[in-house]
Amino acid sequence: MTEAELRALFDEIDTDGDGRINIVELAEGIKAEGGQGHLAEEVKKAMEADANHDGVLDFEEFRTLLK
């Protein structure tokens, strides 16, 4: 995935446009991308990328998650 594609996906999931993806936006994004199975587990695993433990994913953390 290119940098531009990553940014576009991040911006799509960041529905309130604050430059951070919160847990609700993340859950909605996973569902929109066809996430199946245990949504809570998928969200919890994705939030492990929250390096500074502020409860949201910034673009750098999101990039790390998708590598």
PDB file of N, CA and C in Angstrom:
ATOM      1  N   MET A   1       0.853  -1.174   0.000  1.00  0.00           N
ATOM      2  CA  MET A   1       0.000   0.000   0.000  1.00  0.00           C
ATOM      3  C   MET A   1       0.903   1.243   0.000  1.00  0.00           C
ATOM      4  N   THR A   2       0.617   2.163  -0.897  1.00  0.00           N
ATOM      5  CA  THR A   2       1.432   3.370  -0.991  1.00  0.00           C
ATOM      6  C   THR A   2       1.104   4.331   0.156  1.00  0.00           C
ATOM      7  N   GLU A   3       1.965   5.300   0.337  1.00  0.00           N
ATOM      8  CA  GLU A   3       1.746   6.325   1.358  1.00  0.00           C
ATOM      9  C   GLU A   3       0.421   7.061   1.112  1.00  0.00           C
ATOM     10  N   ALA A   4       0.137   7.370  -0.141  1.00  0.00           N
ATOM     11  CA  ALA A   4      -1.106   8.068  -0.480  1.00  0.00           C
ATOM     12  C   ALA A   4      -2.326   7.199  -0.177  1.00  0.00           C
ATOM     13  N   GLU A   5      -2.215   5.914  -0.455  1.00  0.00           N
ATOM     14  CA  GLU A   5      -3.316   5.001  -0.153  1.00  0.00           C
ATOM     15  C   GLU A   5      -3.528   4.868   1.353  1.00  0.00           C
ATOM     16  N   LEU A   6      -2.418   4.793   2.089  1.00  0.00           N
ATOM     17  CA  LEU A   6      -2.515   4.750   3.553  1.00  0.00           C
ATOM     18  C   LEU A   6      -3.202   5.994   4.089  1.00  0.00           C
ATOM     19  N   ARG A   7      -2.791   7.152   3.581  1.00  0.00           N
ATOM     20  CA  ARG A   7      -3.377   8.419   4.036  1.00  0.00           C
ATOM     21  C   ARG A   7      -4.856   8.473   3.702  1.00  0.00           C
ATOM     22  N   ALA A   8      -5.225   8.037   2.515  1.00  0.00           N
ATOM     23  CA  ALA A   8      -6.631   8.048   2.114  1.00  0.00           C
ATOM     24  C   ALA A   8      -7.464   7.138   3.011  1.00  0.00           C
ATOM     25  N   LEU A   9      -6.947   5.964   3.330  1.00  0.00           N
ATOM     26  CA  LEU A   9      -7.655   5.043   4.213  1.00  0.00           C
ATOM     27  C   LEU A   9      -7.770   5.632   5.616  1.00  0.00           C
ATOM     28  N   PHE A  10      -6.680   6.209   6.109  1.00  0.00           N
ATOM     29  CA  PHE A  10      -6.702   6.850   7.426  1.00  0.00           C
ATOM     30  C   PHE A  10      -7.769   7.941   7.465  1.00  0.00           C
ATOM     31  N   ASP A  11      -7.772   8.793   6.454  1.00  0.00           N
ATOM     32  CA  ASP A  11      -8.742   9.887   6.405  1.00  0.00           C
ATOM     33  C   ASP A  11     -10.173   9.382   6.307  1.00  0.00           C
ATOM     34  N   GLU A  12     -10.363   8.262   5.625  1.00  0.00           N
ATOM     35  CA  GLU A  12     -11.700   7.668   5.507  1.00  0.00           C
ATOM     36  C   GLU A  12     -12.189   7.153   6.866  1.00  0.00           C
ATOM     37  N   ILE A  13     -11.296   6.530   7.618  1.00  0.00           N
ATOM     38  CA  ILE A  13     -11.665   5.981   8.929  1.00  0.00           C
ATOM     39  C   ILE A  13     -11.815   7.093   9.960  1.00  0.00           C
ATOM     40  N   ASP A  14     -11.013   8.143   9.852  1.00  0.00           N
ATOM     41  CA  ASP A  14     -11.060   9.284  10.772  1.00  0.00           C
ATOM     42  C   ASP A  14     -12.259  10.169  10.429  1.00  0.00           C
ATOM     43  N   THR A  15     -13.443   9.694  10.779  1.00  0.00           N
ATOM     44  CA  THR A  15     -14.675  10.345  10.338  1.00  0.00           C
ATOM     45  C   THR A  15     -14.893  11.731  10.930  1.00  0.00           C
ATOM     46  N   ASP A  16     -14.319  12.026  12.089  1.00  0.00           N
ATOM     47  CA  ASP A  16     -14.507  13.369  12.652  1.00  0.00           C
ATOM     48  C   ASP A  16     -13.414  14.340  12.214  1.00  0.00           C
ATOM     49  N   GLY A  17     -12.427  13.824  11.457  1.00  0.00           N
ATOM     50  CA  GLY A  17     -11.409  14.677  10.865  1.00  0.00           C
ATOM     51  C   GLY A  17     -10.441  15.316  11.834  1.00  0.00           C
ATOM     52  N   ASP A  18     -10.276  14.727  13.028  1.00  0.00           N
ATOM     53  CA  ASP A  18      -9.379  15.336  14.011  1.00  0.00           C
ATOM     54  C   ASP A  18      -7.934  14.864  13.905  1.00  0.00           C
ATOM     55  N   GLY A  19      -7.644  14.019  12.900  1.00  0.00           N
ATOM     56  CA  GLY A  19      -6.279  13.551  12.707  1.00  0.00           C
ATOM     57  C   GLY A  19      -5.913  12.371  13.582  1.00  0.00           C
ATOM     58  N   ARG A  20      -6.903  11.805  14.263  1.00  0.00           N
ATOM     59  CA  ARG A  20      -6.682  10.643  15.119  1.00  0.00           C
ATOM     60  C   ARG A  20      -7.861   9.691  14.938  1.00  0.00           C
ATOM     61  N   ILE A  21      -7.580   8.409  15.042  1.00  0.00           N
ATOM     62  CA  ILE A  21      -8.636   7.404  14.943  1.00  0.00           C
ATOM     63  C   ILE A  21      -8.922   6.891  16.344  1.00  0.00           C
ATOM     64  N   ASN A  22     -10.150   7.146  16.802  1.00  0.00           N
ATOM     65  CA  ASN A  22     -10.522   6.648  18.129  1.00  0.00           C
ATOM     66  C   ASN A  22     -11.085   5.242  18.000  1.00  0.00           C
ATOM     67  N   ILE A  23     -11.386   4.642  19.113  1.00  0.00           N
ATOM     68  CA  ILE A  23     -11.802   3.238  19.129  1.00  0.00           C
ATOM     69  C   ILE A  23     -13.118   3.018  18.378  1.00  0.00           C
ATOM     70  N   VAL A  24     -14.040   3.974  18.443  1.00  0.00           N
ATOM     71  CA  VAL A  24     -15.310   3.850  17.725  1.00  0.00           C
ATOM     72  C   VAL A  24     -15.076   3.928  16.224  1.00  0.00           C
ATOM     73  N   GLU A  25     -14.265   4.898  15.792  1.00  0.00           N
ATOM     74  CA  GLU A  25     -13.944   5.025  14.368  1.00  0.00           C
ATOM     75  C   GLU A  25     -13.228   3.770  13.873  1.00  0.00           C
ATOM     76  N   LEU A  26     -12.336   3.242  14.697  1.00  0.00           N
ATOM     77  CA  LEU A  26     -11.602   2.038  14.322  1.00  0.00           C
ATOM     78  C   LEU A  26     -12.554   0.863  14.138  1.00  0.00           C
ATOM     79  N   ALA A  27     -13.472   0.679  15.067  1.00  0.00           N
ATOM     80  CA  ALA A  27     -14.444  -0.417  14.957  1.00  0.00           C
ATOM     81  C   ALA A  27     -15.293  -0.261  13.703  1.00  0.00           C
ATOM     82  N   GLU A  28     -15.741   0.961  13.430  1.00  0.00           N
ATOM     83  CA  GLU A  28     -16.535   1.206  12.225  1.00  0.00           C
ATOM     84  C   GLU A  28     -15.710   0.946  10.969  1.00  0.00           C
ATOM     85  N   GLY A  29     -14.448   1.344  11.000  1.00  0.00           N
ATOM     86  CA  GLY A  29     -13.563   1.118   9.860  1.00  0.00           C
ATOM     87  C   GLY A  29     -13.331  -0.355   9.595  1.00  0.00           C
ATOM     88  N   ILE A  30     -13.142  -1.126  10.661  1.00  0.00           N
ATOM     89  CA  ILE A  30     -12.945  -2.571  10.512  1.00  0.00           C
ATOM     90  C   ILE A  30     -14.202  -3.198   9.923  1.00  0.00           C
ATOM     91  N   LYS A  31     -15.365  -2.791  10.412  1.00  0.00           N
ATOM     92  CA  LYS A  31     -16.613  -3.331   9.866  1.00  0.00           C
ATOM     93  C   LYS A  31     -16.770  -2.941   8.402  1.00  0.00           C
ATOM     94  N   ALA A  32     -16.464  -1.695   8.064  1.00  0.00           N
ATOM     95  CA  ALA A  32     -16.612  -1.217   6.683  1.00  0.00           C
ATOM     96  C   ALA A  32     -15.666  -1.943   5.724  1.00  0.00           C
ATOM     97  N   GLU A  33     -14.505  -2.333   6.220  1.00  0.00           N
ATOM     98  CA  GLU A  33     -13.529  -3.030   5.386  1.00  0.00           C
ATOM     99  C   GLU A  33     -13.798  -4.534   5.345  1.00  0.00           C
ATOM    100  N   GLY A  34     -14.932  -4.954   5.910  1.00  0.00           N
ATOM    101  CA  GLY A  34     -15.309  -6.358   5.832  1.00  0.00           C
ATOM    102  C   GLY A  34     -14.772  -7.218   6.947  1.00  0.00           C
ATOM    103  N   GLY A  35     -14.348  -6.587   8.041  1.00  0.00           N
ATOM    104  CA  GLY A  35     -13.860  -7.346   9.183  1.00  0.00           C
ATOM    105  C   GLY A  35     -14.930  -8.290   9.690  1.00  0.00           C
ATOM    106  N   GLN A  36     -14.577  -9.505   9.840  1.00  0.00           N
ATOM    107  CA  GLN A  36     -15.507 -10.517  10.318  1.00  0.00           C
ATOM    108  C   GLN A  36     -14.971 -11.079  11.628  1.00  0.00           C
ATOM    109  N   GLY A  37     -15.760 -11.913  12.235  1.00  0.00           N
ATOM    110  CA  GLY A  37     -15.287 -12.551  13.452  1.00  0.00           C
ATOM    111  C   GLY A  37     -15.581 -11.699  14.670  1.00  0.00           C
ATOM    112  N   HIS A  38     -14.657 -11.682  15.578  1.00  0.00           N
ATOM    113  CA  HIS A  38     -14.844 -11.007  16.856  1.00  0.00           C
ATOM    114  C   HIS A  38     -14.324  -9.576  16.762  1.00  0.00           C
ATOM    115  N   LEU A  39     -15.235  -8.649  16.531  1.00  0.00           N
ATOM    116  CA  LEU A  39     -14.864  -7.252  16.330  1.00  0.00           C
ATOM    117  C   LEU A  39     -14.079  -6.709  17.517  1.00  0.00           C
ATOM    118  N   ALA A  40     -14.520  -7.008  18.727  1.00  0.00           N
ATOM    119  CA  ALA A  40     -13.832  -6.503  19.919  1.00  0.00           C
ATOM    120  C   ALA A  40     -12.377  -6.959  19.945  1.00  0.00           C
ATOM    121  N   GLU A  41     -12.132  -8.205  19.560  1.00  0.00           N
ATOM    122  CA  GLU A  41     -10.761  -8.717  19.544  1.00  0.00           C
ATOM    123  C   GLU A  41      -9.935  -8.032  18.468  1.00  0.00           C
ATOM    124  N   GLU A  42     -10.546  -7.786  17.298  1.00  0.00           N
ATOM    125  CA  GLU A  42      -9.831  -7.112  16.216  1.00  0.00           C
ATOM    126  C   GLU A  42      -9.457  -5.687  16.622  1.00  0.00           C
ATOM    127  N   VAL A  43     -10.388  -4.998  17.279  1.00  0.00           N
ATOM    128  CA  VAL A  43     -10.127  -3.630  17.725  1.00  0.00           C
ATOM    129  C   VAL A  43      -9.031  -3.634  18.779  1.00  0.00           C
ATOM    130  N   LYS A  44      -9.124  -4.537  19.735  1.00  0.00           N
ATOM    131  CA  LYS A  44      -8.112  -4.614  20.795  1.00  0.00           C
ATOM    132  C   LYS A  44      -6.733  -4.860  20.199  1.00  0.00           C
ATOM    133  N   LYS A  45      -6.656  -5.785  19.255  1.00  0.00           N
ATOM    134  CA  LYS A  45      -5.365  -6.083  18.617  1.00  0.00           C
ATOM    135  C   LYS A  45      -4.841  -4.853  17.867  1.00  0.00           C
ATOM    136  N   ALA A  46      -5.721  -4.173  17.146  1.00  0.00           N
ATOM    137  CA  ALA A  46      -5.302  -2.987  16.396  1.00  0.00           C
ATOM    138  C   ALA A  46      -4.828  -1.878  17.333  1.00  0.00           C
ATOM    139  N   MET A  47      -5.474  -1.748  18.488  1.00  0.00           N
ATOM    140  CA  MET A  47      -5.088  -0.684  19.422  1.00  0.00           C
ATOM    141  C   MET A  47      -3.731  -0.939  20.071  1.00  0.00           C
ATOM    142  N   GLU A  48      -3.185  -2.134  19.889  1.00  0.00           N
ATOM    143  CA  GLU A  48      -1.827  -2.398  20.371  1.00  0.00           C
ATOM    144  C   GLU A  48      -0.815  -1.520  19.644  1.00  0.00           C
ATOM    145  N   ALA A  49      -1.192  -0.966  18.500  1.00  0.00           N
ATOM    146  CA  ALA A  49      -0.316  -0.061  17.753  1.00  0.00           C
ATOM    147  C   ALA A  49      -0.271   1.331  18.384  1.00  0.00           C
ATOM    148  N   ASP A  50      -1.094   1.575  19.396  1.00  0.00           N
ATOM    149  CA  ASP A  50      -1.134   2.866  20.089  1.00  0.00           C
ATOM    150  C   ASP A  50       0.114   3.006  20.964  1.00  0.00           C
ATOM    151  N   ALA A  51       1.209   3.409  20.333  1.00  0.00           N
ATOM    152  CA  ALA A  51       2.520   3.428  20.984  1.00  0.00           C
ATOM    153  C   ALA A  51       2.595   4.348  22.197  1.00  0.00           C
ATOM    154  N   ASN A  52       1.889   5.474  22.161  1.00  0.00           N
ATOM    155  CA  ASN A  52       1.971   6.408  23.288  1.00  0.00           C
ATOM    156  C   ASN A  52       0.823   6.222  24.278  1.00  0.00           C
ATOM    157  N   HIS A  53      -0.001   5.221  24.061  1.00  0.00           N
ATOM    158  CA  HIS A  53      -1.078   4.826  24.986  1.00  0.00           C
ATOM    159  C   HIS A  53      -2.042   5.957  25.314  1.00  0.00           C
ATOM    160  N   ASP A  54      -2.386   6.757  24.281  1.00  0.00           N
ATOM    161  CA  ASP A  54      -3.342   7.842  24.504  1.00  0.00           C
ATOM    162  C   ASP A  54      -4.764   7.468  24.106  1.00  0.00           C
ATOM    163  N   GLY A  55      -4.965   6.216  23.701  1.00  0.00           N
ATOM    164  CA  GLY A  55      -6.295   5.728  23.388  1.00  0.00           C
ATOM    165  C   GLY A  55      -6.766   5.999  21.971  1.00  0.00           C
ATOM    166  N   VAL A  56      -5.914   6.582  21.146  1.00  0.00           N
ATOM    167  CA  VAL A  56      -6.234   6.852  19.745  1.00  0.00           C
ATOM    168  C   VAL A  56      -5.018   6.509  18.892  1.00  0.00           C
ATOM    169  N   LEU A  57      -5.253   6.337  17.593  1.00  0.00           N
ATOM    170  CA  LEU A  57      -4.159   6.090  16.661  1.00  0.00           C
ATOM    171  C   LEU A  57      -3.927   7.321  15.805  1.00  0.00           C
ATOM    172  N   ASP A  58      -2.699   7.842  15.842  1.00  0.00           N
ATOM    173  CA  ASP A  58      -2.362   8.904  14.906  1.00  0.00           C
ATOM    174  C   ASP A  58      -1.878   8.236  13.612  1.00  0.00           C
ATOM    175  N   PHE A  59      -1.527   9.033  12.612  1.00  0.00           N
ATOM    176  CA  PHE A  59      -1.180   8.453  11.324  1.00  0.00           C
ATOM    177  C   PHE A  59       0.046   7.545  11.418  1.00  0.00           C
ATOM    178  N   GLU A  60       1.054   7.936  12.190  1.00  0.00           N
ATOM    179  CA  GLU A  60       2.262   7.114  12.305  1.00  0.00           C
ATOM    180  C   GLU A  60       1.939   5.758  12.926  1.00  0.00           C
ATOM    181  N   GLU A  61       1.101   5.745  13.951  1.00  0.00           N
ATOM    182  CA  GLU A  61       0.714   4.486  14.591  1.00  0.00           C
ATOM    183  C   GLU A  61      -0.116   3.637  13.621  1.00  0.00           C
ATOM    184  N   PHE A  62      -0.989   4.293  12.860  1.00  0.00           N
ATOM    185  CA  PHE A  62      -1.805   3.606  11.861  1.00  0.00           C
ATOM    186  C   PHE A  62      -0.922   2.971  10.801  1.00  0.00           C
ATOM    187  N   ARG A  63       0.075   3.706  10.356  1.00  0.00           N
ATOM    188  CA  ARG A  63       1.025   3.188   9.354  1.00  0.00           C
ATOM    189  C   ARG A  63       1.723   1.939   9.898  1.00  0.00           C
ATOM    190  N   THR A  64       2.171   2.006  11.147  1.00  0.00           N
ATOM    191  CA  THR A  64       2.822   0.856  11.771  1.00  0.00           C
ATOM    192  C   THR A  64       1.889  -0.348  11.843  1.00  0.00           C
ATOM    193  N   LEU A  65       0.641  -0.090  12.168  1.00  0.00           N
ATOM    194  CA  LEU A  65      -0.363  -1.152  12.255  1.00  0.00           C
ATOM    195  C   LEU A  65      -0.507  -1.880  10.931  1.00  0.00           C
ATOM    196  N   LEU A  66      -0.493  -1.157   9.840  1.00  0.00           N
ATOM    197  CA  LEU A  66      -0.756  -1.766   8.532  1.00  0.00           C
ATOM    198  C   LEU A  66       0.479  -2.301   7.828  1.00  0.00           C
ATOM    199  N   LYS A  67       1.650  -2.160   8.435  1.00  0.00           N
ATOM    200  CA  LYS A  67       2.869  -2.719   7.815  1.00  0.00           C
ATOM    201  C   LYS A  67       2.919  -4.206   8.014  1.00  0.00           C
TER     202      LYS A  67
END
